């Protein structure tokens, strides 16, 4: 589905994510300037922020590629820090203690429930005017098997846990190149 980024590309994206958050919190403009072709391709991405204790502090992304990857990462990093409705906005004092993780997404495509591989596939479900998405790392991090992962993505969409069985709901899979800061 997707090709992993080079170590250089990963390092650049992590730095862009952190710098874009810092600049936003300081009220300073930030326009990432990169030359790496792999970072200029249109790909979806999520940025996850975790506190020192490993607890989630923010996670927002964009699934459908609409701009260069580096621009997507810069934009969703700020959104993860200040727009995730589950958390208050990250403060400047708090930023140094957060760990940044980036998930670069492949394109999503229809997937049969029995084809879902835990730890490999992320899921997107759409139905009844709702949608929900879980990244590939969610299932192993929470000890979910395939059926529990399918139920979790349904609940994330505000649907019944067995909505993935409903032919009126569309289930999609994708992979992700997931990398983060050492910490």
C-alpha atoms as a PDB file:
ATOM      1  CA  UNK A   1       0.000   0.000   0.000  1.00  0.00           C
ATOM      2  CA  UNK A   2       2.527   2.672   1.041  1.00  0.00           C
ATOM      3  CA  UNK A   3       6.292   2.908   0.960  1.00  0.00           C
ATOM      4  CA  UNK A   4       8.004   3.926   4.215  1.00  0.00           C
ATOM      5  CA  UNK A   5       9.776   7.264   4.216  1.00  0.00           C
ATOM      6  CA  UNK A   6      13.538   7.588   4.453  1.00  0.00           C
ATOM      7  CA  UNK A   7      15.087   8.279   7.867  1.00  0.00           C
ATOM      8  CA  UNK A   8      15.856  11.806   6.645  1.00  0.00           C
ATOM      9  CA  UNK A   9      12.255  12.330   5.581  1.00  0.00           C
ATOM     10  CA  UNK A  10      11.005  11.079   8.931  1.00  0.00           C
ATOM     11  CA  UNK A  11      13.363  13.393  10.831  1.00  0.00           C
ATOM     12  CA  UNK A  12      12.273  16.377   8.766  1.00  0.00           C
ATOM     13  CA  UNK A  13       8.566  15.673   9.333  1.00  0.00           C
ATOM     14  CA  UNK A  14       9.024  15.296  13.091  1.00  0.00           C
ATOM     15  CA  UNK A  15      10.920  18.596  13.209  1.00  0.00           C
ATOM     16  CA  UNK A  16       8.251  20.299  11.062  1.00  0.00           C
ATOM     17  CA  UNK A  17       5.477  19.017  13.348  1.00  0.00           C
ATOM     18  CA  UNK A  18       7.199  20.263  16.512  1.00  0.00           C
ATOM     19  CA  UNK A  19       8.237  23.605  14.987  1.00  0.00           C
ATOM     20  CA  UNK A  20       4.772  24.290  13.581  1.00  0.00           C
ATOM     21  CA  UNK A  21       3.230  23.784  17.035  1.00  0.00           C
ATOM     22  CA  UNK A  22       5.868  25.959  18.728  1.00  0.00           C
ATOM     23  CA  UNK A  23       5.410  28.766  16.205  1.00  0.00           C
ATOM     24  CA  UNK A  24       1.633  28.630  16.536  1.00  0.00           C
ATOM     25  CA  UNK A  25       1.851  28.833  20.331  1.00  0.00           C
ATOM     26  CA  UNK A  26       4.229  31.809  20.029  1.00  0.00           C
ATOM     27  CA  UNK A  27       2.023  33.540  17.466  1.00  0.00           C
ATOM     28  CA  UNK A  28       4.792  33.371  14.855  1.00  0.00           C
ATOM     29  CA  UNK A  29       4.292  32.345  11.214  1.00  0.00           C
ATOM     30  CA  UNK A  30       5.842  29.103   9.996  1.00  0.00           C
ATOM     31  CA  UNK A  31       6.063  27.880   6.414  1.00  0.00           C
ATOM     32  CA  UNK A  32       8.019  24.648   6.106  1.00  0.00           C
ATOM     33  CA  UNK A  33      10.521  24.670   3.270  1.00  0.00           C
ATOM     34  CA  UNK A  34      11.786  21.259   2.190  1.00  0.00           C
ATOM     35  CA  UNK A  35      13.468  19.832  -0.868  1.00  0.00           C
ATOM     36  CA  UNK A  36      12.880  16.110  -0.315  1.00  0.00           C
ATOM     37  CA  UNK A  37      10.559  14.929  -3.132  1.00  0.00           C
ATOM     38  CA  UNK A  38       9.006  12.291  -0.872  1.00  0.00           C
ATOM     39  CA  UNK A  39       7.718  15.073   1.412  1.00  0.00           C
ATOM     40  CA  UNK A  40       6.165  16.992  -1.473  1.00  0.00           C
ATOM     41  CA  UNK A  41       3.859  14.188  -2.624  1.00  0.00           C
ATOM     42  CA  UNK A  42       0.186  14.472  -1.644  1.00  0.00           C
ATOM     43  CA  UNK A  43      -0.415  12.014   1.205  1.00  0.00           C
ATOM     44  CA  UNK A  44      -2.707  11.941   4.213  1.00  0.00           C
ATOM     45  CA  UNK A  45      -1.182  12.080   7.693  1.00  0.00           C
ATOM     46  CA  UNK A  46      -2.015  12.162  11.383  1.00  0.00           C
ATOM     47  CA  UNK A  47      -0.013  13.711  14.193  1.00  0.00           C
ATOM     48  CA  UNK A  48      -0.335  12.194  17.649  1.00  0.00           C
ATOM     49  CA  UNK A  49       0.886  13.969  20.772  1.00  0.00           C
ATOM     50  CA  UNK A  50       1.619  11.968  23.916  1.00  0.00           C
ATOM     51  CA  UNK A  51       2.468  13.169  27.393  1.00  0.00           C
ATOM     52  CA  UNK A  52       5.619  11.954  29.175  1.00  0.00           C
ATOM     53  CA  UNK A  53       3.575   9.212  30.860  1.00  0.00           C
ATOM     54  CA  UNK A  54       2.457   7.924  27.436  1.00  0.00           C
ATOM     55  CA  UNK A  55      -1.086   9.222  27.734  1.00  0.00           C
ATOM     56  CA  UNK A  56      -2.711  10.664  24.622  1.00  0.00           C
ATOM     57  CA  UNK A  57      -2.669  14.477  24.569  1.00  0.00           C
ATOM     58  CA  UNK A  58      -3.992  15.080  21.058  1.00  0.00           C
ATOM     59  CA  UNK A  59      -4.415  13.370  17.702  1.00  0.00           C
ATOM     60  CA  UNK A  60      -5.764  14.858  14.502  1.00  0.00           C
ATOM     61  CA  UNK A  61      -5.117  14.117  10.878  1.00  0.00           C
ATOM     62  CA  UNK A  62      -6.276  14.312   7.336  1.00  0.00           C
ATOM     63  CA  UNK A  63      -7.028  11.099   5.474  1.00  0.00           C
ATOM     64  CA  UNK A  64      -7.500  12.367   1.946  1.00  0.00           C
ATOM     65  CA  UNK A  65      -4.394  13.806   0.304  1.00  0.00           C
ATOM     66  CA  UNK A  66      -5.038  17.386  -0.751  1.00  0.00           C
ATOM     67  CA  UNK A  67      -1.643  19.087  -0.383  1.00  0.00           C
ATOM     68  CA  UNK A  68       2.028  18.139  -0.058  1.00  0.00           C
ATOM     69  CA  UNK A  69       2.738  15.798   2.859  1.00  0.00           C
ATOM     70  CA  UNK A  70       4.925  18.359   4.648  1.00  0.00           C
ATOM     71  CA  UNK A  71       2.089  20.940   4.576  1.00  0.00           C
ATOM     72  CA  UNK A  72      -0.404  18.372   5.857  1.00  0.00           C
ATOM     73  CA  UNK A  73       1.883  17.444   8.756  1.00  0.00           C
ATOM     74  CA  UNK A  74       2.447  21.100   9.687  1.00  0.00           C
ATOM     75  CA  UNK A  75      -1.296  21.802   9.650  1.00  0.00           C
ATOM     76  CA  UNK A  76      -2.473  18.704  11.536  1.00  0.00           C
ATOM     77  CA  UNK A  77       0.294  19.047  14.144  1.00  0.00           C
ATOM     78  CA  UNK A  78      -1.137  22.417  15.151  1.00  0.00           C
ATOM     79  CA  UNK A  79      -4.654  20.980  15.065  1.00  0.00           C
ATOM     80  CA  UNK A  80      -3.615  18.064  17.319  1.00  0.00           C
ATOM     81  CA  UNK A  81      -2.157  20.556  19.789  1.00  0.00           C
ATOM     82  CA  UNK A  82      -5.008  23.049  19.949  1.00  0.00           C
ATOM     83  CA  UNK A  83      -8.147  21.657  18.274  1.00  0.00           C
ATOM     84  CA  UNK A  84      -8.616  18.075  19.515  1.00  0.00           C
ATOM     85  CA  UNK A  85     -12.009  18.397  21.261  1.00  0.00           C
ATOM     86  CA  UNK A  86     -11.080  15.703  23.792  1.00  0.00           C
ATOM     87  CA  UNK A  87      -8.376  17.896  25.374  1.00  0.00           C
ATOM     88  CA  UNK A  88      -7.606  21.485  26.266  1.00  0.00           C
ATOM     89  CA  UNK A  89      -5.064  23.287  24.098  1.00  0.00           C
ATOM     90  CA  UNK A  90      -1.409  22.440  24.620  1.00  0.00           C
ATOM     91  CA  UNK A  91       0.528  25.233  26.320  1.00  0.00           C
ATOM     92  CA  UNK A  92       4.035  26.427  25.457  1.00  0.00           C
ATOM     93  CA  UNK A  93       5.305  25.200  28.859  1.00  0.00           C
ATOM     94  CA  UNK A  94       3.910  21.754  28.157  1.00  0.00           C
ATOM     95  CA  UNK A  95       5.281  21.352  24.620  1.00  0.00           C
ATOM     96  CA  UNK A  96       8.830  20.279  25.538  1.00  0.00           C
ATOM     97  CA  UNK A  97       7.453  17.348  27.558  1.00  0.00           C
ATOM     98  CA  UNK A  98       5.295  16.005  24.720  1.00  0.00           C
ATOM     99  CA  UNK A  99       6.346  13.247  22.327  1.00  0.00           C
ATOM    100  CA  UNK A 100       5.384  13.745  18.670  1.00  0.00           C
ATOM    101  CA  UNK A 101       4.363  10.795  16.495  1.00  0.00           C
ATOM    102  CA  UNK A 102       3.554  11.013  12.779  1.00  0.00           C
ATOM    103  CA  UNK A 103       1.508   8.500  10.786  1.00  0.00           C
ATOM    104  CA  UNK A 104       1.837   8.865   7.008  1.00  0.00           C
ATOM    105  CA  UNK A 105      -1.142   7.133   5.419  1.00  0.00           C
ATOM    106  CA  UNK A 106      -1.544   5.100   2.286  1.00  0.00           C
ATOM    107  CA  UNK A 107      -4.635   5.692   0.210  1.00  0.00           C
ATOM    108  CA  UNK A 108      -7.653   3.947   1.686  1.00  0.00           C
ATOM    109  CA  UNK A 109      -9.518   1.261  -0.205  1.00  0.00           C
ATOM    110  CA  UNK A 110     -12.445  -1.067   0.484  1.00  0.00           C
ATOM    111  CA  UNK A 111     -11.514  -3.974   2.756  1.00  0.00           C
ATOM    112  CA  UNK A 112     -13.397  -7.103   3.779  1.00  0.00           C
ATOM    113  CA  UNK A 113     -13.639  -7.537   7.567  1.00  0.00           C
ATOM    114  CA  UNK A 114     -11.849 -10.900   7.378  1.00  0.00           C
ATOM    115  CA  UNK A 115      -8.916  -9.265   5.535  1.00  0.00           C
ATOM    116  CA  UNK A 116      -8.175  -6.804   8.378  1.00  0.00           C
ATOM    117  CA  UNK A 117      -4.746  -7.494   9.861  1.00  0.00           C
ATOM    118  CA  UNK A 118      -4.169  -6.200  13.384  1.00  0.00           C
ATOM    119  CA  UNK A 119      -1.162  -3.889  13.521  1.00  0.00           C
ATOM    120  CA  UNK A 120      -1.070  -3.513   9.731  1.00  0.00           C
ATOM    121  CA  UNK A 121      -4.387  -1.965   8.785  1.00  0.00           C
ATOM    122  CA  UNK A 122      -6.108   1.161   9.975  1.00  0.00           C
ATOM    123  CA  UNK A 123      -9.846   1.342   9.471  1.00  0.00           C
ATOM    124  CA  UNK A 124     -12.355   3.870   8.221  1.00  0.00           C
ATOM    125  CA  UNK A 125     -16.083   3.193   8.371  1.00  0.00           C
ATOM    126  CA  UNK A 126     -18.801   5.280   6.771  1.00  0.00           C
ATOM    127  CA  UNK A 127     -22.524   4.808   7.222  1.00  0.00           C
ATOM    128  CA  UNK A 128     -25.718   6.535   8.287  1.00  0.00           C
ATOM    129  CA  UNK A 129     -24.123   9.915   7.589  1.00  0.00           C
ATOM    130  CA  UNK A 130     -21.292   9.240  10.028  1.00  0.00           C
ATOM    131  CA  UNK A 131     -17.673   8.181   9.794  1.00  0.00           C
ATOM    132  CA  UNK A 132     -14.941   7.018  12.135  1.00  0.00           C
ATOM    133  CA  UNK A 133     -11.267   6.247  11.744  1.00  0.00           C
ATOM    134  CA  UNK A 134      -8.711   4.349  13.818  1.00  0.00           C
ATOM    135  CA  UNK A 135      -5.003   4.222  12.983  1.00  0.00           C
ATOM    136  CA  UNK A 136      -3.243   0.843  12.621  1.00  0.00           C
ATOM    137  CA  UNK A 137      -1.378   1.230  15.921  1.00  0.00           C
ATOM    138  CA  UNK A 138      -4.601   1.560  17.954  1.00  0.00           C
ATOM    139  CA  UNK A 139      -5.476  -2.157  17.948  1.00  0.00           C
ATOM    140  CA  UNK A 140      -2.116  -3.442  19.267  1.00  0.00           C
ATOM    141  CA  UNK A 141      -1.793  -0.557  21.751  1.00  0.00           C
ATOM    142  CA  UNK A 142      -5.162  -1.489  23.275  1.00  0.00           C
ATOM    143  CA  UNK A 143      -4.929  -5.275  22.866  1.00  0.00           C
ATOM    144  CA  UNK A 144      -7.821  -5.447  20.391  1.00  0.00           C
ATOM    145  CA  UNK A 145      -8.454  -8.467  18.206  1.00  0.00           C
ATOM    146  CA  UNK A 146     -10.069  -8.090  14.776  1.00  0.00           C
ATOM    147  CA  UNK A 147     -13.699  -8.069  15.951  1.00  0.00           C
ATOM    148  CA  UNK A 148     -12.951  -5.679  18.818  1.00  0.00           C
ATOM    149  CA  UNK A 149     -11.107  -3.363  16.413  1.00  0.00           C
ATOM    150  CA  UNK A 150     -14.031  -3.428  13.967  1.00  0.00           C
ATOM    151  CA  UNK A 151     -16.452  -2.668  16.828  1.00  0.00           C
ATOM    152  CA  UNK A 152     -14.202   0.145  18.093  1.00  0.00           C
ATOM    153  CA  UNK A 153     -14.117   1.928  14.729  1.00  0.00           C
ATOM    154  CA  UNK A 154     -17.909   1.677  14.567  1.00  0.00           C
ATOM    155  CA  UNK A 155     -18.258   3.212  18.033  1.00  0.00           C
ATOM    156  CA  UNK A 156     -15.774   5.948  17.070  1.00  0.00           C
ATOM    157  CA  UNK A 157     -18.223   6.839  14.278  1.00  0.00           C
ATOM    158  CA  UNK A 158     -21.128   6.881  16.727  1.00  0.00           C
ATOM    159  CA  UNK A 159     -22.537   3.697  15.195  1.00  0.00           C
ATOM    160  CA  UNK A 160     -23.514   0.450  16.918  1.00  0.00           C
ATOM    161  CA  UNK A 161     -20.507  -1.828  17.490  1.00  0.00           C
ATOM    162  CA  UNK A 162     -21.718  -4.320  14.890  1.00  0.00           C
ATOM    163  CA  UNK A 163     -22.376  -1.741  12.140  1.00  0.00           C
ATOM    164  CA  UNK A 164     -19.433  -3.162  10.177  1.00  0.00           C
ATOM    165  CA  UNK A 165     -21.737  -6.109   9.349  1.00  0.00           C
ATOM    166  CA  UNK A 166     -24.354  -3.758   7.838  1.00  0.00           C
ATOM    167  CA  UNK A 167     -24.159  -3.794   4.012  1.00  0.00           C
ATOM    168  CA  UNK A 168     -25.193  -0.109   4.049  1.00  0.00           C
ATOM    169  CA  UNK A 169     -21.914   0.754   5.832  1.00  0.00           C
ATOM    170  CA  UNK A 170     -18.663   0.987   3.879  1.00  0.00           C
ATOM    171  CA  UNK A 171     -15.462  -0.317   5.455  1.00  0.00           C
ATOM    172  CA  UNK A 172     -12.062   0.840   4.204  1.00  0.00           C
ATOM    173  CA  UNK A 173      -8.533  -0.150   5.128  1.00  0.00           C
ATOM    174  CA  UNK A 174      -5.213   1.636   4.879  1.00  0.00           C
ATOM    175  CA  UNK A 175      -1.670   1.231   6.113  1.00  0.00           C
ATOM    176  CA  UNK A 176       0.588   3.795   7.746  1.00  0.00           C
ATOM    177  CA  UNK A 177       4.270   4.527   8.145  1.00  0.00           C
ATOM    178  CA  UNK A 178       4.308   5.373  11.874  1.00  0.00           C
ATOM    179  CA  UNK A 179       7.328   6.993  13.530  1.00  0.00           C
ATOM    180  CA  UNK A 180       7.955   9.216  16.502  1.00  0.00           C
ATOM    181  CA  UNK A 181      10.463  11.065  18.566  1.00  0.00           C
ATOM    182  CA  UNK A 182      12.637   9.033  20.876  1.00  0.00           C
ATOM    183  CA  UNK A 183      11.484   9.327  24.406  1.00  0.00           C
END
